[in-house]
Amino acid sequence: MWPGRARTVSVVQVKVTAEAARRFLVARHFLAPARSLPGGLEAVMQVFRKLGSIQFDPIAVAGRNHDLVLHARVAD
């Protein structure tokens, strides 16, 4: 970058419908179709690679959060 010269930034604005955004996010988080990943360690690792992390919550009301997150995405 040259001293005294302004930096140019390009921004592309894209309009997305709420329905398209919802479909994208649901698919991105492996929630459609439900439990779409096969069972096993590799499927669990795929969830962690895609999401980066999941919340660990040891309180079990309907189930522990980390178990519920994986159960929604990975078959038994």
PDB file of N, CA and C in Angstrom:
ATOM      1  N   MET A   1       0.845  -1.180   0.000  1.00  0.00           N
ATOM      2  CA  MET A   1       0.000   0.000   0.000  1.00  0.00           C
ATOM      3  C   MET A   1       0.889   1.240   0.000  1.00  0.00           C
ATOM      4  N   TRP A   2       0.495   2.207  -0.778  1.00  0.00           N
ATOM      5  CA  TRP A   2       1.277   3.441  -0.902  1.00  0.00           C
ATOM      6  C   TRP A   2       0.905   4.418   0.201  1.00  0.00           C
ATOM      7  N   PRO A   3       1.888   5.077   0.805  1.00  0.00           N
ATOM      8  CA  PRO A   3       1.597   6.060   1.851  1.00  0.00           C
ATOM      9  C   PRO A   3       0.735   7.199   1.309  1.00  0.00           C
ATOM     10  N   GLY A   4      -0.248   7.621   2.104  1.00  0.00           N
ATOM     11  CA  GLY A   4      -1.105   8.730   1.702  1.00  0.00           C
ATOM     12  C   GLY A   4      -2.192   8.349   0.719  1.00  0.00           C
ATOM     13  N   ARG A   5      -2.279   7.074   0.376  1.00  0.00           N
ATOM     14  CA  ARG A   5      -3.267   6.636  -0.604  1.00  0.00           C
ATOM     15  C   ARG A   5      -4.394   5.886   0.109  1.00  0.00           C
ATOM     16  N   ALA A   6      -5.624   6.212  -0.235  1.00  0.00           N
ATOM     17  CA  ALA A   6      -6.776   5.561   0.389  1.00  0.00           C
ATOM     18  C   ALA A   6      -6.892   4.120  -0.109  1.00  0.00           C
ATOM     19  N   ARG A   7      -7.330   3.259   0.773  1.00  0.00           N
ATOM     20  CA  ARG A   7      -7.533   1.850   0.427  1.00  0.00           C
ATOM     21  C   ARG A   7      -8.940   1.681  -0.134  1.00  0.00           C
ATOM     22  N   THR A   8      -9.069   0.990  -1.239  1.00  0.00           N
ATOM     23  CA  THR A   8     -10.365   0.758  -1.865  1.00  0.00           C
ATOM     24  C   THR A   8     -10.887  -0.612  -1.457  1.00  0.00           C
ATOM     25  N   VAL A   9     -12.143  -0.624  -1.023  1.00  0.00           N
ATOM     26  CA  VAL A   9     -12.778  -1.880  -0.625  1.00  0.00           C
ATOM     27  C   VAL A   9     -14.013  -2.071  -1.486  1.00  0.00           C
ATOM     28  N   SER A  10     -14.152  -3.246  -2.070  1.00  0.00           N
ATOM     29  CA  SER A  10     -15.329  -3.555  -2.878  1.00  0.00           C
ATOM     30  C   SER A  10     -16.328  -4.340  -2.040  1.00  0.00           C
ATOM     31  N   VAL A  11     -17.577  -3.958  -2.129  1.00  0.00           N
ATOM     32  CA  VAL A  11     -18.638  -4.655  -1.412  1.00  0.00           C
ATOM     33  C   VAL A  11     -19.717  -5.002  -2.414  1.00  0.00           C
ATOM     34  N   VAL A  12     -20.112  -6.277  -2.418  1.00  0.00           N
ATOM     35  CA  VAL A  12     -21.191  -6.715  -3.287  1.00  0.00           C
ATOM     36  C   VAL A  12     -22.389  -7.008  -2.397  1.00  0.00           C
ATOM     37  N   GLN A  13     -23.473  -6.335  -2.653  1.00  0.00           N
ATOM     38  CA  GLN A  13     -24.678  -6.550  -1.857  1.00  0.00           C
ATOM     39  C   GLN A  13     -25.569  -7.553  -2.585  1.00  0.00           C
ATOM     40  N   VAL A  14     -26.000  -8.568  -1.855  1.00  0.00           N
ATOM     41  CA  VAL A  14     -26.839  -9.614  -2.422  1.00  0.00           C
ATOM     42  C   VAL A  14     -28.129  -9.664  -1.627  1.00  0.00           C
ATOM     43  N   LYS A  15     -29.253  -9.680  -2.319  1.00  0.00           N
ATOM     44  CA  LYS A  15     -30.549  -9.802  -1.647  1.00  0.00           C
ATOM     45  C   LYS A  15     -30.945 -11.270  -1.635  1.00  0.00           C
ATOM     46  N   VAL A  16     -31.310 -11.748  -0.462  1.00  0.00           N
ATOM     47  CA  VAL A  16     -31.704 -13.140  -0.279  1.00  0.00           C
ATOM     48  C   VAL A  16     -33.044 -13.152   0.427  1.00  0.00           C
ATOM     49  N   THR A  17     -33.941 -13.980  -0.049  1.00  0.00           N
ATOM     50  CA  THR A  17     -35.237 -14.070   0.620  1.00  0.00           C
ATOM     51  C   THR A  17     -35.069 -14.768   1.963  1.00  0.00           C
ATOM     52  N   ALA A  18     -36.008 -14.526   2.858  1.00  0.00           N
ATOM     53  CA  ALA A  18     -35.972 -15.182   4.171  1.00  0.00           C
ATOM     54  C   ALA A  18     -36.036 -16.693   4.003  1.00  0.00           C
ATOM     55  N   GLU A  19     -36.829 -17.172   3.074  1.00  0.00           N
ATOM     56  CA  GLU A  19     -36.966 -18.609   2.835  1.00  0.00           C
ATOM     57  C   GLU A  19     -35.646 -19.210   2.339  1.00  0.00           C
ATOM     58  N   ALA A  20     -34.964 -18.529   1.425  1.00  0.00           N
ATOM     59  CA  ALA A  20     -33.680 -19.026   0.922  1.00  0.00           C
ATOM     60  C   ALA A  20     -32.630 -19.030   2.032  1.00  0.00           C
ATOM     61  N   ALA A  21     -32.621 -18.000   2.866  1.00  0.00           N
ATOM     62  CA  ALA A  21     -31.681 -17.950   3.988  1.00  0.00           C
ATOM     63  C   ALA A  21     -31.959 -19.084   4.970  1.00  0.00           C
ATOM     64  N   ARG A  22     -33.234 -19.321   5.257  1.00  0.00           N
ATOM     65  CA  ARG A  22     -33.602 -20.408   6.161  1.00  0.00           C
ATOM     66  C   ARG A  22     -33.158 -21.747   5.608  1.00  0.00           C
ATOM     67  N   ARG A  23     -33.428 -22.011   4.327  1.00  0.00           N
ATOM     68  CA  ARG A  23     -33.023 -23.282   3.709  1.00  0.00           C
ATOM     69  C   ARG A  23     -31.506 -23.454   3.755  1.00  0.00           C
ATOM     70  N   PHE A  24     -30.769 -22.377   3.463  1.00  0.00           N
ATOM     71  CA  PHE A  24     -29.310 -22.439   3.495  1.00  0.00           C
ATOM     72  C   PHE A  24     -28.809 -22.796   4.889  1.00  0.00           C
ATOM     73  N   LEU A  25     -29.307 -22.092   5.911  1.00  0.00           N
ATOM     74  CA  LEU A  25     -28.832 -22.327   7.273  1.00  0.00           C
ATOM     75  C   LEU A  25     -29.210 -23.708   7.791  1.00  0.00           C
ATOM     76  N   VAL A  26     -30.409 -24.158   7.480  1.00  0.00           N
ATOM     77  CA  VAL A  26     -30.844 -25.489   7.912  1.00  0.00           C
ATOM     78  C   VAL A  26     -29.967 -26.557   7.264  1.00  0.00           C
ATOM     79  N   ALA A  27     -29.686 -26.421   5.982  1.00  0.00           N
ATOM     80  CA  ALA A  27     -28.819 -27.389   5.294  1.00  0.00           C
ATOM     81  C   ALA A  27     -27.381 -27.290   5.802  1.00  0.00           C
ATOM     82  N   ARG A  28     -26.893 -26.080   6.013  1.00  0.00           N
ATOM     83  CA  ARG A  28     -25.517 -25.858   6.473  1.00  0.00           C
ATOM     84  C   ARG A  28     -25.259 -26.496   7.840  1.00  0.00           C
ATOM     85  N   HIS A  29     -26.304 -26.573   8.651  1.00  0.00           N
ATOM     86  CA  HIS A  29     -26.184 -27.126  10.000  1.00  0.00           C
ATOM     87  C   HIS A  29     -26.645 -28.580  10.077  1.00  0.00           C
ATOM     88  N   PHE A  30     -26.747 -29.238   8.919  1.00  0.00           N
ATOM     89  CA  PHE A  30     -27.107 -30.667   8.838  1.00  0.00           C
ATOM     90  C   PHE A  30     -28.469 -30.954   9.466  1.00  0.00           C
ATOM     91  N   LEU A  31     -29.423 -30.039   9.364  1.00  0.00           N
ATOM     92  CA  LEU A  31     -30.728 -30.261   9.975  1.00  0.00           C
ATOM     93  C   LEU A  31     -31.802 -30.655   8.974  1.00  0.00           C
ATOM     94  N   ALA A  32     -31.502 -30.660   7.697  1.00  0.00           N
ATOM     95  CA  ALA A  32     -32.483 -31.083   6.697  1.00  0.00           C
ATOM     96  C   ALA A  32     -31.787 -31.977   5.686  1.00  0.00           C
ATOM     97  N   PRO A  33     -32.247 -33.176   5.523  1.00  0.00           N
ATOM     98  CA  PRO A  33     -33.263 -33.820   6.362  1.00  0.00           C
ATOM     99  C   PRO A  33     -32.679 -34.170   7.719  1.00  0.00           C
ATOM    100  N   ALA A  34     -33.559 -34.327   8.693  1.00  0.00           N
ATOM    101  CA  ALA A  34     -33.126 -34.644  10.055  1.00  0.00           C
ATOM    102  C   ALA A  34     -32.324 -35.939  10.074  1.00  0.00           C
ATOM    103  N   ARG A  35     -31.287 -35.938  10.874  1.00  0.00           N
ATOM    104  CA  ARG A  35     -30.419 -37.104  11.061  1.00  0.00           C
ATOM    105  C   ARG A  35     -29.908 -37.644   9.733  1.00  0.00           C
ATOM    106  N   SER A  36     -29.494 -36.729   8.863  1.00  0.00           N
ATOM    107  CA  SER A  36     -29.080 -37.093   7.508  1.00  0.00           C
ATOM    108  C   SER A  36     -27.704 -37.732   7.434  1.00  0.00           C
ATOM    109  N   LEU A  37     -26.909 -37.589   8.466  1.00  0.00           N
ATOM    110  CA  LEU A  37     -25.578 -38.193   8.448  1.00  0.00           C
ATOM    111  C   LEU A  37     -25.652 -39.622   8.969  1.00  0.00           C
ATOM    112  N   PRO A  38     -24.873 -40.512   8.399  1.00  0.00           N
ATOM    113  CA  PRO A  38     -24.866 -41.885   8.894  1.00  0.00           C
ATOM    114  C   PRO A  38     -24.266 -41.920  10.303  1.00  0.00           C
ATOM    115  N   GLY A  39     -24.525 -42.973  11.024  1.00  0.00           N
ATOM    116  CA  GLY A  39     -23.971 -43.097  12.369  1.00  0.00           C
ATOM    117  C   GLY A  39     -22.467 -43.304  12.332  1.00  0.00           C
ATOM    118  N   GLY A  40     -21.842 -43.144  13.482  1.00  0.00           N
ATOM    119  CA  GLY A  40     -20.419 -43.431  13.580  1.00  0.00           C
ATOM    120  C   GLY A  40     -19.570 -42.218  13.873  1.00  0.00           C
ATOM    121  N   LEU A  41     -18.343 -42.498  14.228  1.00  0.00           N
ATOM    122  CA  LEU A  41     -17.393 -41.464  14.621  1.00  0.00           C
ATOM    123  C   LEU A  41     -17.122 -40.466  13.498  1.00  0.00           C
ATOM    124  N   GLU A  42     -17.004 -40.938  12.267  1.00  0.00           N
ATOM    125  CA  GLU A  42     -16.723 -40.021  11.153  1.00  0.00           C
ATOM    126  C   GLU A  42     -17.838 -39.002  10.973  1.00  0.00           C
ATOM    127  N   ALA A  43     -19.085 -39.402  11.173  1.00  0.00           N
ATOM    128  CA  ALA A  43     -20.208 -38.461  11.067  1.00  0.00           C
ATOM    129  C   ALA A  43     -20.149 -37.426  12.188  1.00  0.00           C
ATOM    130  N   VAL A  44     -19.826 -37.864  13.390  1.00  0.00           N
ATOM    131  CA  VAL A  44     -19.678 -36.941  14.516  1.00  0.00           C
ATOM    132  C   VAL A  44     -18.553 -35.946  14.223  1.00  0.00           C
ATOM    133  N   MET A  45     -17.443 -36.422  13.702  1.00  0.00           N
ATOM    134  CA  MET A  45     -16.328 -35.540  13.360  1.00  0.00           C
ATOM    135  C   MET A  45     -16.708 -34.564  12.249  1.00  0.00           C
ATOM    136  N   GLN A  46     -17.538 -35.002  11.311  1.00  0.00           N
ATOM    137  CA  GLN A  46     -17.998 -34.122  10.237  1.00  0.00           C
ATOM    138  C   GLN A  46     -18.810 -32.961  10.809  1.00  0.00           C
ATOM    139  N   VAL A  47     -19.663 -33.244  11.799  1.00  0.00           N
ATOM    140  CA  VAL A  47     -20.433 -32.185  12.461  1.00  0.00           C
ATOM    141  C   VAL A  47     -19.483 -31.187  13.118  1.00  0.00           C
ATOM    142  N   PHE A  48     -18.487 -31.674  13.855  1.00  0.00           N
ATOM    143  CA  PHE A  48     -17.544 -30.771  14.521  1.00  0.00           C
ATOM    144  C   PHE A  48     -16.726 -29.968  13.510  1.00  0.00           C
ATOM    145  N   ARG A  49     -16.329 -30.585  12.405  1.00  0.00           N
ATOM    146  CA  ARG A  49     -15.564 -29.846  11.383  1.00  0.00           C
ATOM    147  C   ARG A  49     -16.421 -28.739  10.777  1.00  0.00           C
ATOM    148  N   LYS A  50     -17.685 -29.014  10.528  1.00  0.00           N
ATOM    149  CA  LYS A  50     -18.557 -28.022   9.889  1.00  0.00           C
ATOM    150  C   LYS A  50     -18.975 -26.928  10.865  1.00  0.00           C
ATOM    151  N   LEU A  51     -19.385 -27.314  12.095  1.00  0.00           N
ATOM    152  CA  LEU A  51     -19.872 -26.328  13.058  1.00  0.00           C
ATOM    153  C   LEU A  51     -18.745 -25.672  13.845  1.00  0.00           C
ATOM    154  N   GLY A  52     -17.616 -26.348  13.954  1.00  0.00           N
ATOM    155  CA  GLY A  52     -16.498 -25.806  14.716  1.00  0.00           C
ATOM    156  C   GLY A  52     -16.533 -26.209  16.171  1.00  0.00           C
ATOM    157  N   SER A  53     -17.714 -26.173  16.777  1.00  0.00           N
ATOM    158  CA  SER A  53     -17.877 -26.578  18.169  1.00  0.00           C
ATOM    159  C   SER A  53     -19.365 -26.741  18.455  1.00  0.00           C
ATOM    160  N   ILE A  54     -19.665 -27.365  19.565  1.00  0.00           N
ATOM    161  CA  ILE A  54     -21.034 -27.404  20.062  1.00  0.00           C
ATOM    162  C   ILE A  54     -20.988 -27.076  21.544  1.00  0.00           C
ATOM    163  N   GLN A  55     -22.093 -26.609  22.080  1.00  0.00           N
ATOM    164  CA  GLN A  55     -22.144 -26.239  23.489  1.00  0.00           C
ATOM    165  C   GLN A  55     -22.201 -27.495  24.344  1.00  0.00           C
ATOM    166  N   PHE A  56     -21.334 -27.578  25.318  1.00  0.00           N
ATOM    167  CA  PHE A  56     -21.375 -28.681  26.278  1.00  0.00           C
ATOM    168  C   PHE A  56     -22.197 -28.223  27.469  1.00  0.00           C
ATOM    169  N   ASP A  57     -23.301 -28.910  27.720  1.00  0.00           N
ATOM    170  CA  ASP A  57     -24.206 -28.541  28.797  1.00  0.00           C
ATOM    171  C   ASP A  57     -24.552 -29.789  29.592  1.00  0.00           C
ATOM    172  N   PRO A  58     -24.016 -29.939  30.798  1.00  0.00           N
ATOM    173  CA  PRO A  58     -24.249 -31.156  31.566  1.00  0.00           C
ATOM    174  C   PRO A  58     -25.640 -31.254  32.190  1.00  0.00           C
ATOM    175  N   ILE A  59     -26.443 -30.180  32.125  1.00  0.00           N
ATOM    176  CA  ILE A  59     -27.797 -30.237  32.683  1.00  0.00           C
ATOM    177  C   ILE A  59     -28.701 -30.947  31.686  1.00  0.00           C
ATOM    178  N   ALA A  60     -29.400 -31.991  32.144  1.00  0.00           N
ATOM    179  CA  ALA A  60     -30.235 -32.806  31.263  1.00  0.00           C
ATOM    180  C   ALA A  60     -31.715 -32.593  31.571  1.00  0.00           C
ATOM    181  N   VAL A  61     -32.359 -31.708  30.834  1.00  0.00           N
ATOM    182  CA  VAL A  61     -33.804 -31.527  30.978  1.00  0.00           C
ATOM    183  C   VAL A  61     -34.480 -32.495  30.026  1.00  0.00           C
ATOM    184  N   ALA A  62     -34.312 -32.292  28.732  1.00  0.00           N
ATOM    185  CA  ALA A  62     -34.807 -33.251  27.738  1.00  0.00           C
ATOM    186  C   ALA A  62     -33.665 -34.146  27.287  1.00  0.00           C
ATOM    187  N   GLY A  63     -32.495 -33.760  27.637  1.00  0.00           N
ATOM    188  CA  GLY A  63     -31.275 -34.460  27.263  1.00  0.00           C
ATOM    189  C   GLY A  63     -30.149 -33.457  27.333  1.00  0.00           C
ATOM    190  N   ARG A  64     -28.937 -33.922  27.413  1.00  0.00           N
ATOM    191  CA  ARG A  64     -27.802 -33.004  27.453  1.00  0.00           C
ATOM    192  C   ARG A  64     -27.646 -32.363  26.084  1.00  0.00           C
ATOM    193  N   ASN A  65     -27.371 -31.063  26.077  1.00  0.00           N
ATOM    194  CA  ASN A  65     -27.346 -30.296  24.831  1.00  0.00           C
ATOM    195  C   ASN A  65     -26.417 -30.904  23.789  1.00  0.00           C
ATOM    196  N   HIS A  66     -25.225 -31.298  24.176  1.00  0.00           N
ATOM    197  CA  HIS A  66     -24.287 -31.837  23.185  1.00  0.00           C
ATOM    198  C   HIS A  66     -24.818 -33.151  22.601  1.00  0.00           C
ATOM    199  N   ASP A  67     -25.556 -33.934  23.383  1.00  0.00           N
ATOM    200  CA  ASP A  67     -26.168 -35.146  22.849  1.00  0.00           C
ATOM    201  C   ASP A  67     -27.312 -34.800  21.895  1.00  0.00           C
ATOM    202  N   LEU A  68     -28.120 -33.785  22.245  1.00  0.00           N
ATOM    203  CA  LEU A  68     -29.247 -33.396  21.404  1.00  0.00           C
ATOM    204  C   LEU A  68     -28.787 -32.835  20.062  1.00  0.00           C
ATOM    205  N   VAL A  69     -27.705 -32.046  20.084  1.00  0.00           N
ATOM    206  CA  VAL A  69     -27.164 -31.490  18.835  1.00  0.00           C
ATOM    207  C   VAL A  69     -26.752 -32.604  17.892  1.00  0.00           C
ATOM    208  N   LEU A  70     -26.012 -33.578  18.407  1.00  0.00           N
ATOM    209  CA  LEU A  70     -25.558 -34.684  17.552  1.00  0.00           C
ATOM    210  C   LEU A  70     -26.721 -35.595  17.168  1.00  0.00           C
ATOM    211  N   HIS A  71     -27.650 -35.835  18.084  1.00  0.00           N
ATOM    212  CA  HIS A  71     -28.790 -36.718  17.797  1.00  0.00           C
ATOM    213  C   HIS A  71     -29.647 -36.167  16.652  1.00  0.00           C
ATOM    214  N   ALA A  72     -29.752 -34.854  16.544  1.00  0.00           N
ATOM    215  CA  ALA A  72     -30.541 -34.237  15.472  1.00  0.00           C
ATOM    216  C   ALA A  72     -29.871 -34.388  14.117  1.00  0.00           C
ATOM    217  N   ARG A  73     -28.569 -34.677  14.096  1.00  0.00           N
ATOM    218  CA  ARG A  73     -27.821 -34.687  12.845  1.00  0.00           C
ATOM    219  C   ARG A  73     -27.278 -36.041  12.442  1.00  0.00           C
ATOM    220  N   VAL A  74     -27.031 -36.919  13.409  1.00  0.00           N
ATOM    221  CA  VAL A  74     -26.342 -38.180  13.132  1.00  0.00           C
ATOM    222  C   VAL A  74     -27.237 -39.339  13.525  1.00  0.00           C
ATOM    223  N   ALA A  75     -27.370 -40.326  12.626  1.00  0.00           N
ATOM    224  CA  ALA A  75     -28.160 -41.510  12.929  1.00  0.00           C
ATOM    225  C   ALA A  75     -27.457 -42.327  14.016  1.00  0.00           C
ATOM    226  N   ASP A  76     -28.213 -43.210  14.653  1.00  0.00           N
ATOM    227  CA  ASP A  76     -27.645 -44.010  15.758  1.00  0.00           C
ATOM    228  C   ASP A  76     -26.496 -44.813  15.333  1.00  0.00           C
TER     229      ASP A  76
END
